[in-house]
C-alpha cells in the first residue's frame, strides 16, 4: 500500500507543475531569466522535464488511488527517470546557471517551483516512498533518455542556425561560452550526471 504522503506529494507535483507553467507562459508576475511566454516556454528543459514529471506523478497518483497492491516496474521506472530529469535541472541551475544569471533571477515566480521546489519534492518522494530500490541497475540507464532527446534538439538548433557564443536565441543556456568544440563534452557530462542521479536515487531509495 502506497503511503498517503506519497500520493499527496505526487498530486502536489502535478498541480504545481501545471500552475508554474501557466504562471510562466502567461507572463503573470516575473519569473526571471530563462522564462518565455506562450508556447515558447517549451524550449526549456526545465519546463519540459517538470511537465513530464507532473504527468508521471498524475499517473502514479491514479494507480495508487486505484488500490494497486504492487506498483508496476514501468511506473516506478518512469518516476525514477522523471525525478532524475528534474534533479538535473536543480543541479545545473545551482552550479552553472546561477553564476551566470544570478540566483534572484532563477528562483522567482514560476521558476522558483520548477528550479527548486518541484525537484526537491520529487527527490523526497523517491528517497522515502517510491520503491526505486527494486529497479534493476541496468534500467537506470533509461534516465538518460530525456536528456539525450533534449540534447539532440538543443544542439540541432545551435548547429542548424550556426549560433555563436552570446546568441540567446538558440544558445539560451550559454553553453557555447566554453567553445563549440566543448559542446559534445558538455552533453556527455549532462548524460552521465543524469544517470548518476538515477543511480544515487536507486541506491538510497
Protein backbone atom coordinates (compact mmCIF):
# COMPACT_ATOMS: atom_id res chain seq x y z
CA UNK A 1 0.00 0.00 0.00
CA UNK A 2 1.45 3.35 -1.04
CA UNK A 3 1.56 5.85 1.86
CA UNK A 4 -0.94 8.71 1.72
CA UNK A 5 2.00 11.10 1.99
CA UNK A 6 3.39 9.85 -1.31
CA UNK A 7 0.05 10.28 -3.05
CA UNK A 8 -0.18 13.80 -1.64
CA UNK A 9 3.33 14.63 -2.86
CA UNK A 10 2.60 13.33 -6.35
CA UNK A 11 -0.69 15.19 -6.55
CA UNK A 12 1.14 18.34 -5.47
CA UNK A 13 3.84 17.82 -8.10
CA UNK A 14 1.19 17.52 -10.81
CA UNK A 15 -0.75 20.60 -9.71
CA UNK A 16 2.31 22.77 -9.07
CA UNK A 17 3.97 21.81 -12.36
CA UNK A 18 0.89 22.90 -14.31
CA UNK A 19 0.37 26.05 -12.25
CA UNK A 20 4.06 27.01 -12.55
CA UNK A 21 4.00 26.50 -16.31
CA UNK A 22 0.87 28.64 -16.67
CA UNK A 23 2.49 31.23 -14.41
CA UNK A 24 5.47 31.42 -16.77
CA UNK A 25 3.61 31.24 -20.07
CA UNK A 26 1.01 33.86 -19.20
CA UNK A 27 3.67 36.28 -18.02
CA UNK A 28 1.88 36.74 -14.69
CA UNK A 29 4.35 38.44 -12.39
CA UNK A 30 8.05 37.94 -13.06
CA UNK A 31 9.69 34.53 -13.41
CA UNK A 32 13.14 35.95 -14.10
CA UNK A 33 15.57 34.72 -16.73
CA UNK A 34 15.02 31.52 -18.72
CA UNK A 35 11.29 32.17 -18.90
CA UNK A 36 9.22 32.76 -22.02
CA UNK A 37 5.58 33.48 -22.63
CA UNK A 38 3.32 31.14 -24.57
CA UNK A 39 4.46 28.02 -26.38
CA UNK A 40 8.00 29.39 -26.45
CA UNK A 41 8.44 28.25 -22.85
CA UNK A 42 8.58 24.66 -24.11
CA UNK A 43 12.07 25.23 -25.47
CA UNK A 44 13.44 24.98 -21.94
CA UNK A 45 14.47 21.62 -20.47
CA UNK A 46 13.32 22.84 -17.07
CA UNK A 47 9.77 23.31 -18.30
CA UNK A 48 9.66 20.08 -20.30
CA UNK A 49 11.16 17.96 -17.52
CA UNK A 50 8.82 19.39 -14.90
CA UNK A 51 5.74 18.86 -17.08
CA UNK A 52 6.93 15.31 -17.74
CA UNK A 53 7.39 14.79 -14.01
CA UNK A 54 3.94 16.23 -13.39
CA UNK A 55 2.34 13.88 -15.92
CA UNK A 56 4.12 10.87 -14.42
CA UNK A 57 3.06 11.96 -10.94
CA UNK A 58 -0.55 12.19 -12.09
CA UNK A 59 -0.45 8.63 -13.45
CA UNK A 60 1.32 7.48 -10.29
CA UNK A 61 -1.38 9.03 -8.10
CA UNK A 62 -4.18 7.46 -10.14
CA UNK A 63 -2.61 3.99 -10.00
CA UNK A 64 -2.09 4.33 -6.25
CA UNK A 65 -5.64 5.55 -5.63
CA UNK A 66 -6.93 2.65 -7.70
CA UNK A 67 -5.60 0.40 -4.97
CA UNK A 68 -2.59 -1.16 -6.66
CA UNK A 69 -1.04 -3.66 -4.24
CA UNK A 70 2.25 -3.67 -6.07
CA UNK A 71 3.39 -0.85 -8.33
CA UNK A 72 4.41 -1.99 -11.83
CA UNK A 73 8.08 -1.71 -12.78
CA UNK A 74 7.31 0.59 -15.71
CA UNK A 75 5.66 3.12 -13.41
CA UNK A 76 8.45 3.07 -10.83
CA UNK A 77 10.96 3.42 -13.67
CA UNK A 78 9.10 6.44 -15.04
CA UNK A 79 9.17 8.03 -11.58
CA UNK A 80 12.91 7.44 -11.38
CA UNK A 81 13.50 8.82 -14.89
CA UNK A 82 11.35 11.91 -14.27
CA UNK A 83 12.96 12.60 -10.90
CA UNK A 84 16.46 12.31 -12.36
CA UNK A 85 15.49 14.78 -15.09
CA UNK A 86 14.17 17.46 -12.72
CA UNK A 87 17.07 16.93 -10.32
CA UNK A 88 19.41 17.59 -13.24
CA UNK A 89 17.72 20.97 -13.71
CA UNK A 90 18.09 21.60 -9.98
CA UNK A 91 21.83 20.87 -10.02
CA UNK A 92 22.61 22.62 -13.33
CA UNK A 93 20.73 25.71 -12.16
CA UNK A 94 22.54 25.82 -8.83
CA UNK A 95 26.02 25.00 -10.17
CA UNK A 96 26.13 26.52 -13.67
CA UNK A 97 23.30 28.97 -14.27
CA UNK A 98 23.20 30.89 -11.00
CA UNK A 99 26.77 32.19 -11.53
CA UNK A 100 25.67 33.45 -14.97
CA UNK A 101 22.20 34.86 -14.31
CA UNK A 102 22.14 35.31 -10.52
CA UNK A 103 20.06 33.38 -8.01
CA UNK A 104 17.40 36.09 -7.66
CA UNK A 105 16.62 35.79 -11.37
CA UNK A 106 16.37 32.00 -11.39
CA UNK A 107 14.40 31.44 -8.19
CA UNK A 108 11.35 33.63 -8.53
CA UNK A 109 7.88 33.31 -9.95
CA UNK A 110 7.12 30.03 -11.68
CA UNK A 111 10.83 29.25 -11.86
CA UNK A 112 11.03 29.15 -8.07
CA UNK A 113 8.94 26.00 -8.18
CA UNK A 114 10.47 24.49 -11.32
CA UNK A 115 14.09 25.12 -10.34
CA UNK A 116 13.77 24.31 -6.65
CA UNK A 117 10.52 23.13 -5.07
CA UNK A 118 9.36 20.53 -7.59
CA UNK A 119 12.74 18.78 -8.00
CA UNK A 120 13.12 18.53 -4.22
CA UNK A 121 9.58 17.17 -3.81
CA UNK A 122 10.25 14.52 -6.46
CA UNK A 123 13.55 13.58 -4.83
CA UNK A 124 11.99 13.26 -1.37
CA UNK A 125 9.25 11.06 -2.79
CA UNK A 126 11.77 8.76 -4.48
CA UNK A 127 14.01 8.55 -1.45
CA UNK A 128 11.25 7.92 1.10
CA UNK A 129 8.30 6.30 -0.65
CA UNK A 130 8.74 5.15 -4.26
CA UNK A 131 10.25 1.62 -4.34
CA UNK A 132 13.09 2.60 -6.67
CA UNK A 133 15.47 0.24 -4.87
CA UNK A 134 13.71 -2.60 -6.68
CA UNK A 135 14.57 -1.23 -10.12
CA UNK A 136 17.31 -3.32 -11.82
CA UNK A 137 20.51 -1.32 -12.13
CA UNK A 138 20.59 -1.55 -15.92
CA UNK A 139 17.13 0.05 -16.05
CA UNK A 140 18.60 3.24 -14.57
CA UNK A 141 20.17 3.86 -17.99
CA UNK A 142 16.71 4.96 -19.17
CA UNK A 143 17.18 8.07 -17.03
CA UNK A 144 19.41 9.47 -19.78
CA UNK A 145 16.66 9.31 -22.42
CA UNK A 146 15.04 12.73 -21.73
CA UNK A 147 18.44 14.44 -21.56
CA UNK A 148 19.59 12.75 -24.78
CA UNK A 149 16.40 13.73 -26.62
CA UNK A 150 16.62 17.33 -25.44
CA UNK A 151 20.34 17.47 -26.18
CA UNK A 152 19.67 16.43 -29.79
CA UNK A 153 17.04 19.17 -30.06
CA UNK A 154 19.22 21.84 -28.45
CA UNK A 155 22.39 21.04 -30.39
CA UNK A 156 20.40 20.66 -33.60
CA UNK A 157 19.12 24.24 -33.26
CA UNK A 158 22.59 25.55 -32.47
CA UNK A 159 24.35 23.94 -35.42
CA UNK A 160 21.48 24.37 -37.88
CA UNK A 161 21.44 28.12 -37.27
CA UNK A 162 25.20 28.49 -36.84
CA UNK A 163 24.77 30.05 -33.42
CA UNK A 164 27.74 31.80 -31.86
CA UNK A 165 28.58 32.45 -28.18
CA UNK A 166 26.20 35.05 -26.81
CA UNK A 167 23.39 34.19 -29.24
CA UNK A 168 20.49 33.95 -26.77
CA UNK A 169 18.03 32.93 -29.48
CA UNK A 170 19.48 29.44 -29.79
CA UNK A 171 22.07 29.06 -27.04
CA UNK A 172 19.87 30.41 -24.28
CA UNK A 173 21.70 28.31 -21.68
CA UNK A 174 25.03 29.89 -22.74
CA UNK A 175 26.77 26.53 -23.17
CA UNK A 176 28.77 27.91 -26.12
CA UNK A 177 30.76 30.08 -23.74
CA UNK A 178 33.04 27.03 -23.34
CA UNK A 179 33.54 26.88 -27.12
CA UNK A 180 31.84 24.91 -29.88
CA UNK A 181 34.28 22.02 -29.57
CA UNK A 182 33.28 21.57 -25.95
CA UNK A 183 29.56 21.21 -26.67
CA UNK A 184 29.69 17.39 -27.18
CA UNK A 185 31.67 17.07 -23.94
CA UNK A 186 29.09 19.19 -22.12
CA UNK A 187 26.29 16.97 -23.45
CA UNK A 188 28.19 13.83 -22.40
CA UNK A 189 28.66 15.30 -18.93
CA UNK A 190 24.93 16.06 -18.69
CA UNK A 191 24.07 12.49 -19.71
CA UNK A 192 26.44 10.99 -17.17
CA UNK A 193 25.17 13.36 -14.49
CA UNK A 194 21.57 12.32 -15.16
CA UNK A 195 22.49 8.65 -14.95
CA UNK A 196 24.50 9.25 -11.76
CA UNK A 197 21.47 10.95 -10.18
CA UNK A 198 19.28 7.96 -11.05
CA UNK A 199 21.85 5.54 -9.63
CA UNK A 200 22.12 7.51 -6.38
CA UNK A 201 18.33 7.64 -6.02
CA UNK A 202 18.13 3.91 -6.68
CA UNK A 203 20.83 3.10 -4.12
CA UNK A 204 19.45 5.38 -1.43
CA UNK A 205 15.78 4.68 -2.09
